[in-house]
Amino acid sequence: MKLLWAIMITLILVLQGRLWFGEGSFAQVWALEQSIAEQQRENDELATRNERLYAEVRNLRNQQGAVEERARMNLGLIRQDETFFLVVEN
């Protein structure tokens, strides 16, 4: 009977060891959940950025004024017969 108890206790300890320290253990599952949560946050940020870029592209494709505004702001372009004033602050 003592041999049976010893085998059962050994089996329980081996199974507990795998549960806490082996592959698929609580620590490994927790680390994977943390990694998944971090990756999900990063994906959400990138999805938001992509939506802004898609909206900007749609705007540039559909409205001529958007292209003109972009050219004025980023490239400093002006129309013919237009006067350009540069205001410099101290």
Protein backbone atom coordinates (compact mmCIF):
# COMPACT_ATOMS: atom_id res chain seq x y z
CA MET A 1 0.00 0.00 0.00
CA LYS A 2 2.87 2.39 0.79
CA LEU A 3 4.32 1.70 -2.67
CA LEU A 4 1.02 2.74 -4.28
CA TRP A 5 0.96 5.96 -2.28
CA ALA A 6 4.57 6.70 -3.22
CA ILE A 7 3.79 6.17 -6.92
CA MET A 8 0.71 8.39 -6.71
CA ILE A 9 2.61 11.17 -4.92
CA THR A 10 5.45 10.96 -7.45
CA LEU A 11 2.96 11.11 -10.33
CA ILE A 12 1.22 14.13 -8.78
CA LEU A 13 4.56 15.92 -8.30
CA VAL A 14 5.60 15.24 -11.91
CA LEU A 15 2.27 16.54 -13.20
CA GLN A 16 2.48 19.61 -10.98
CA GLY A 17 6.03 20.27 -12.19
CA ARG A 18 4.84 20.23 -15.81
CA LEU A 19 1.93 22.49 -14.89
CA TRP A 20 4.15 25.12 -13.27
CA PHE A 21 7.44 24.82 -15.17
CA GLY A 22 6.99 22.79 -18.37
CA GLU A 23 5.77 23.63 -21.84
CA GLY A 24 2.32 25.21 -21.68
CA SER A 25 2.83 26.14 -18.04
CA PHE A 26 1.04 28.97 -16.29
CA ALA A 27 4.09 31.24 -16.62
CA GLN A 28 4.39 30.58 -20.34
CA VAL A 29 0.68 31.13 -20.93
CA TRP A 30 0.80 34.39 -18.95
CA ALA A 31 3.81 35.60 -20.97
CA LEU A 32 2.05 34.74 -24.24
CA GLU A 33 -1.09 36.58 -23.13
CA GLN A 34 1.01 39.65 -22.32
CA SER A 35 2.71 39.43 -25.71
CA ILE A 36 -0.64 39.10 -27.48
CA ALA A 37 -2.05 42.11 -25.61
CA GLU A 38 0.99 44.22 -26.52
CA GLN A 39 0.78 43.18 -30.17
CA GLN A 40 -2.95 43.97 -30.21
CA ARG A 41 -2.28 47.49 -28.89
CA GLU A 42 0.36 48.01 -31.58
CA ASN A 43 -2.02 46.69 -34.25
CA ASP A 44 -4.75 49.08 -33.06
CA GLU A 45 -2.36 52.04 -33.30
CA LEU A 46 -1.30 51.01 -36.79
CA ALA A 47 -4.91 50.51 -37.88
CA THR A 48 -5.75 54.03 -36.68
CA ARG A 49 -2.78 55.44 -38.58
CA ASN A 50 -3.76 53.51 -41.70
CA GLU A 51 -7.31 54.87 -41.53
CA ARG A 52 -5.98 58.43 -41.36
CA LEU A 53 -3.74 57.77 -44.36
CA TYR A 54 -6.58 56.16 -46.36
CA ALA A 55 -8.82 59.15 -45.59
CA GLU A 56 -6.09 61.52 -46.76
CA VAL A 57 -5.59 59.54 -49.98
CA ARG A 58 -9.36 59.52 -50.67
CA ASN A 59 -9.45 63.26 -50.05
CA LEU A 60 -6.54 63.89 -52.41
CA ARG A 61 -8.10 61.71 -55.14
CA ASN A 62 -11.56 63.24 -54.95
CA GLN A 63 -11.00 66.94 -54.32
CA GLN A 64 -8.83 69.21 -56.42
CA GLY A 65 -8.72 71.74 -53.57
CA ALA A 66 -6.96 69.25 -51.33
CA VAL A 67 -4.12 68.83 -53.82
CA GLU A 68 -3.85 72.60 -54.19
CA GLU A 69 -3.79 73.09 -50.43
CA ARG A 70 -1.08 70.44 -50.09
CA ALA A 71 1.00 72.12 -52.81
CA ARG A 72 0.65 75.51 -51.12
CA MET A 73 1.50 74.30 -47.63
CA ASN A 74 4.29 71.82 -48.34
CA LEU A 75 5.83 73.11 -51.53
CA GLY A 76 5.16 76.85 -51.24
CA LEU A 77 3.52 77.00 -54.65
CA ILE A 78 1.39 79.97 -55.70
CA ARG A 79 -0.93 80.55 -58.64
CA GLN A 80 -0.16 82.77 -61.57
CA ASP A 81 -1.08 86.43 -60.92
CA GLU A 82 -1.08 85.79 -57.18
CA THR A 83 0.94 87.78 -54.63
CA PHE A 84 2.78 85.89 -51.91
CA PHE A 85 3.31 87.51 -48.52
CA LEU A 86 5.61 85.90 -45.97
CA VAL A 87 5.03 87.06 -42.42
CA VAL A 88 8.03 86.48 -40.18
CA GLU A 89 7.55 86.57 -36.43
CA ASN A 90 10.34 87.77 -34.13
